[in-house]
Amino acid sequence: MEESSTGKNIEFYANCTEYFTALRKQGKNDDGFEDEFFYTMPVISGNN
């Protein structure tokens, strides 16, 4: 993977983590996005 895509992947992961944390604090969820996130994260991170 290129360095620039790795940085973007780390940023994406961090942003998603913040999003999920904010939802939990509000007592909400986004099951559709969360399922998609955890399904695709191994590919995004290169750990497939």
PDB file of N, CA and C in Angstrom:
ATOM      1  N   MET A   1       0.834  -1.176   0.000  1.00  0.00           N
ATOM      2  CA  MET A   1       0.000   0.000   0.000  1.00  0.00           C
ATOM      3  C   MET A   1       0.881   1.243   0.000  1.00  0.00           C
ATOM      4  N   GLU A   2       0.416   2.255  -0.628  1.00  0.00           N
ATOM      5  CA  GLU A   2       1.152   3.509  -0.652  1.00  0.00           C
ATOM      6  C   GLU A   2       1.019   4.215   0.695  1.00  0.00           C
ATOM      7  N   GLU A   3       2.032   4.982   1.020  1.00  0.00           N
ATOM      8  CA  GLU A   3       2.026   5.717   2.289  1.00  0.00           C
ATOM      9  C   GLU A   3       0.819   6.634   2.412  1.00  0.00           C
ATOM     10  N   SER A   4       0.468   7.321   1.326  1.00  0.00           N
ATOM     11  CA  SER A   4      -0.649   8.259   1.401  1.00  0.00           C
ATOM     12  C   SER A   4      -1.967   7.547   1.681  1.00  0.00           C
ATOM     13  N   SER A   5      -2.177   6.370   1.103  1.00  0.00           N
ATOM     14  CA  SER A   5      -3.423   5.655   1.360  1.00  0.00           C
ATOM     15  C   SER A   5      -3.442   5.112   2.793  1.00  0.00           C
ATOM     16  N   THR A   6      -2.278   4.750   3.316  1.00  0.00           N
ATOM     17  CA  THR A   6      -2.212   4.278   4.690  1.00  0.00           C
ATOM     18  C   THR A   6      -2.629   5.382   5.653  1.00  0.00           C
ATOM     19  N   GLY A   7      -2.132   6.589   5.415  1.00  0.00           N
ATOM     20  CA  GLY A   7      -2.521   7.719   6.255  1.00  0.00           C
ATOM     21  C   GLY A   7      -3.998   8.004   6.179  1.00  0.00           C
ATOM     22  N   LYS A   8      -4.550   7.920   4.978  1.00  0.00           N
ATOM     23  CA  LYS A   8      -5.986   8.136   4.807  1.00  0.00           C
ATOM     24  C   LYS A   8      -6.773   7.051   5.511  1.00  0.00           C
ATOM     25  N   ASN A   9      -6.291   5.807   5.485  1.00  0.00           N
ATOM     26  CA  ASN A   9      -6.975   4.716   6.167  1.00  0.00           C
ATOM     27  C   ASN A   9      -6.978   4.927   7.669  1.00  0.00           C
ATOM     28  N   ILE A  10      -5.848   5.386   8.208  1.00  0.00           N
ATOM     29  CA  ILE A  10      -5.774   5.662   9.642  1.00  0.00           C
ATOM     30  C   ILE A  10      -6.725   6.796  10.001  1.00  0.00           C
ATOM     31  N   GLU A  11      -6.765   7.813   9.167  1.00  0.00           N
ATOM     32  CA  GLU A  11      -7.678   8.933   9.407  1.00  0.00           C
ATOM     33  C   GLU A  11      -9.132   8.468   9.340  1.00  0.00           C
ATOM     34  N   PHE A  12      -9.465   7.638   8.361  1.00  0.00           N
ATOM     35  CA  PHE A  12     -10.820   7.102   8.225  1.00  0.00           C
ATOM     36  C   PHE A  12     -11.199   6.301   9.465  1.00  0.00           C
ATOM     37  N   TYR A  13     -10.300   5.441   9.914  1.00  0.00           N
ATOM     38  CA  TYR A  13     -10.556   4.631  11.103  1.00  0.00           C
ATOM     39  C   TYR A  13     -10.794   5.529  12.320  1.00  0.00           C
ATOM     40  N   ALA A  14      -9.944   6.540  12.495  1.00  0.00           N
ATOM     41  CA  ALA A  14     -10.092   7.454  13.628  1.00  0.00           C
ATOM     42  C   ALA A  14     -11.419   8.204  13.560  1.00  0.00           C
ATOM     43  N   ASN A  15     -11.787   8.652  12.377  1.00  0.00           N
ATOM     44  CA  ASN A  15     -13.058   9.373  12.213  1.00  0.00           C
ATOM     45  C   ASN A  15     -14.243   8.466  12.520  1.00  0.00           C
ATOM     46  N   CYS A  16     -14.172   7.225  12.078  1.00  0.00           N
ATOM     47  CA  CYS A  16     -15.268   6.286  12.353  1.00  0.00           C
ATOM     48  C   CYS A  16     -15.374   5.999  13.836  1.00  0.00           C
ATOM     49  N   THR A  17     -14.229   5.850  14.491  1.00  0.00           N
ATOM     50  CA  THR A  17     -14.231   5.606  15.928  1.00  0.00           C
ATOM     51  C   THR A  17     -14.875   6.772  16.669  1.00  0.00           C
ATOM     52  N   GLU A  18     -14.544   7.984  16.280  1.00  0.00           N
ATOM     53  CA  GLU A  18     -15.166   9.172  16.896  1.00  0.00           C
ATOM     54  C   GLU A  18     -16.673   9.185  16.642  1.00  0.00           C
ATOM     55  N   TYR A  19     -17.065   8.849  15.428  1.00  0.00           N
ATOM     56  CA  TYR A  19     -18.482   8.823  15.062  1.00  0.00           C
ATOM     57  C   TYR A  19     -19.235   7.806  15.923  1.00  0.00           C
ATOM     58  N   PHE A  20     -18.695   6.600  16.053  1.00  0.00           N
ATOM     59  CA  PHE A  20     -19.364   5.571  16.849  1.00  0.00           C
ATOM     60  C   PHE A  20     -19.425   5.973  18.322  1.00  0.00           C
ATOM     61  N   THR A  21     -18.369   6.591  18.829  1.00  0.00           N
ATOM     62  CA  THR A  21     -18.348   7.047  20.218  1.00  0.00           C
ATOM     63  C   THR A  21     -19.407   8.119  20.448  1.00  0.00           C
ATOM     64  N   ALA A  22     -19.502   9.064  19.531  1.00  0.00           N
ATOM     65  CA  ALA A  22     -20.502  10.134  19.652  1.00  0.00           C
ATOM     66  C   ALA A  22     -21.919   9.560  19.626  1.00  0.00           C
ATOM     67  N   LEU A  23     -22.154   8.590  18.754  1.00  0.00           N
ATOM     68  CA  LEU A  23     -23.478   7.970  18.701  1.00  0.00           C
ATOM     69  C   LEU A  23     -23.809   7.278  20.014  1.00  0.00           C
ATOM     70  N   ARG A  24     -22.849   6.522  20.555  1.00  0.00           N
ATOM     71  CA  ARG A  24     -23.093   5.811  21.810  1.00  0.00           C
ATOM     72  C   ARG A  24     -23.415   6.782  22.946  1.00  0.00           C
ATOM     73  N   LYS A  25     -22.706   7.902  22.990  1.00  0.00           N
ATOM     74  CA  LYS A  25     -22.949   8.903  24.040  1.00  0.00           C
ATOM     75  C   LYS A  25     -24.357   9.469  23.944  1.00  0.00           C
ATOM     76  N   GLN A  26     -24.908   9.508  22.725  1.00  0.00           N
ATOM     77  CA  GLN A  26     -26.260  10.018  22.511  1.00  0.00           C
ATOM     78  C   GLN A  26     -27.313   8.915  22.633  1.00  0.00           C
ATOM     79  N   GLY A  27     -26.859   7.674  22.853  1.00  0.00           N
ATOM     80  CA  GLY A  27     -27.775   6.549  22.947  1.00  0.00           C
ATOM     81  C   GLY A  27     -28.329   6.131  21.597  1.00  0.00           C
ATOM     82  N   LYS A  28     -27.591   6.447  20.528  1.00  0.00           N
ATOM     83  CA  LYS A  28     -28.026   6.116  19.174  1.00  0.00           C
ATOM     84  C   LYS A  28     -27.065   5.103  18.558  1.00  0.00           C
ATOM     85  N   ASN A  29     -27.454   4.596  17.389  1.00  0.00           N
ATOM     86  CA  ASN A  29     -26.555   3.731  16.643  1.00  0.00           C
ATOM     87  C   ASN A  29     -26.805   3.878  15.149  1.00  0.00           C
ATOM     88  N   ASP A  30     -25.882   3.379  14.394  1.00  0.00           N
ATOM     89  CA  ASP A  30     -25.985   3.368  12.936  1.00  0.00           C
ATOM     90  C   ASP A  30     -25.548   1.970  12.510  1.00  0.00           C
ATOM     91  N   ASP A  31     -26.450   1.009  12.732  1.00  0.00           N
ATOM     92  CA  ASP A  31     -26.115  -0.390  12.504  1.00  0.00           C
ATOM     93  C   ASP A  31     -25.671  -0.670  11.077  1.00  0.00           C
ATOM     94  N   GLY A  32     -26.299  -0.042  10.101  1.00  0.00           N
ATOM     95  CA  GLY A  32     -25.945  -0.270   8.699  1.00  0.00           C
ATOM     96  C   GLY A  32     -24.517   0.138   8.412  1.00  0.00           C
ATOM     97  N   PHE A  33     -24.136   1.323   8.859  1.00  0.00           N
ATOM     98  CA  PHE A  33     -22.771   1.781   8.629  1.00  0.00           C
ATOM     99  C   PHE A  33     -21.776   0.979   9.455  1.00  0.00           C
ATOM    100  N   GLU A  34     -22.130   0.684  10.691  1.00  0.00           N
ATOM    101  CA  GLU A  34     -21.217  -0.062  11.560  1.00  0.00           C
ATOM    102  C   GLU A  34     -20.950  -1.455  10.998  1.00  0.00           C
ATOM    103  N   ASP A  35     -21.988  -2.131  10.499  1.00  0.00           N
ATOM    104  CA  ASP A  35     -21.796  -3.438   9.883  1.00  0.00           C
ATOM    105  C   ASP A  35     -20.866  -3.338   8.682  1.00  0.00           C
ATOM    106  N   GLU A  36     -21.103  -2.356   7.840  1.00  0.00           N
ATOM    107  CA  GLU A  36     -20.267  -2.163   6.654  1.00  0.00           C
ATOM    108  C   GLU A  36     -18.826  -1.837   7.050  1.00  0.00           C
ATOM    109  N   PHE A  37     -18.657  -1.015   8.059  1.00  0.00           N
ATOM    110  CA  PHE A  37     -17.332  -0.636   8.533  1.00  0.00           C
ATOM    111  C   PHE A  37     -16.544  -1.861   8.985  1.00  0.00           C
ATOM    112  N   PHE A  38     -17.129  -2.679   9.843  1.00  0.00           N
ATOM    113  CA  PHE A  38     -16.407  -3.835  10.365  1.00  0.00           C
ATOM    114  C   PHE A  38     -16.219  -4.921   9.309  1.00  0.00           C
ATOM    115  N   TYR A  39     -17.091  -4.967   8.330  1.00  0.00           N
ATOM    116  CA  TYR A  39     -16.941  -5.932   7.235  1.00  0.00           C
ATOM    117  C   TYR A  39     -15.787  -5.538   6.315  1.00  0.00           C
ATOM    118  N   THR A  40     -15.636  -4.241   6.059  1.00  0.00           N
ATOM    119  CA  THR A  40     -14.617  -3.780   5.117  1.00  0.00           C
ATOM    120  C   THR A  40     -13.292  -3.388   5.775  1.00  0.00           C
ATOM    121  N   MET A  41     -13.255  -3.226   7.092  1.00  0.00           N
ATOM    122  CA  MET A  41     -12.038  -2.750   7.753  1.00  0.00           C
ATOM    123  C   MET A  41     -10.820  -3.624   7.465  1.00  0.00           C
ATOM    124  N   PRO A  42     -10.922  -4.962   7.462  1.00  0.00           N
ATOM    125  CA  PRO A  42      -9.725  -5.757   7.144  1.00  0.00           C
ATOM    126  C   PRO A  42      -9.145  -5.430   5.755  1.00  0.00           C
ATOM    127  N   VAL A  43      -9.990  -5.174   4.793  1.00  0.00           N
ATOM    128  CA  VAL A  43      -9.524  -4.829   3.442  1.00  0.00           C
ATOM    129  C   VAL A  43      -8.899  -3.446   3.447  1.00  0.00           C
ATOM    130  N   ILE A  44      -9.527  -2.514   4.118  1.00  0.00           N
ATOM    131  CA  ILE A  44      -9.025  -1.140   4.185  1.00  0.00           C
ATOM    132  C   ILE A  44      -7.654  -1.110   4.852  1.00  0.00           C
ATOM    133  N   SER A  45      -7.498  -1.892   5.905  1.00  0.00           N
ATOM    134  CA  SER A  45      -6.249  -1.855   6.670  1.00  0.00           C
ATOM    135  C   SER A  45      -5.161  -2.734   6.069  1.00  0.00           C
ATOM    136  N   GLY A  46      -5.511  -3.541   5.064  1.00  0.00           N
ATOM    137  CA  GLY A  46      -4.532  -4.423   4.451  1.00  0.00           C
ATOM    138  C   GLY A  46      -4.335  -5.714   5.216  1.00  0.00           C
ATOM    139  N   ASN A  47      -5.213  -6.010   6.146  1.00  0.00           N
ATOM    140  CA  ASN A  47      -5.118  -7.219   6.955  1.00  0.00           C
ATOM    141  C   ASN A  47      -6.090  -8.295   6.491  1.00  0.00           C
ATOM    142  N   ASN A  48      -6.249  -8.425   5.200  1.00  0.00           N
ATOM    143  CA  ASN A  48      -7.220  -9.389   4.684  1.00  0.00           C
ATOM    144  C   ASN A  48      -6.623 -10.720   4.429  1.00  0.00           C
TER     145      ASN A  48
END
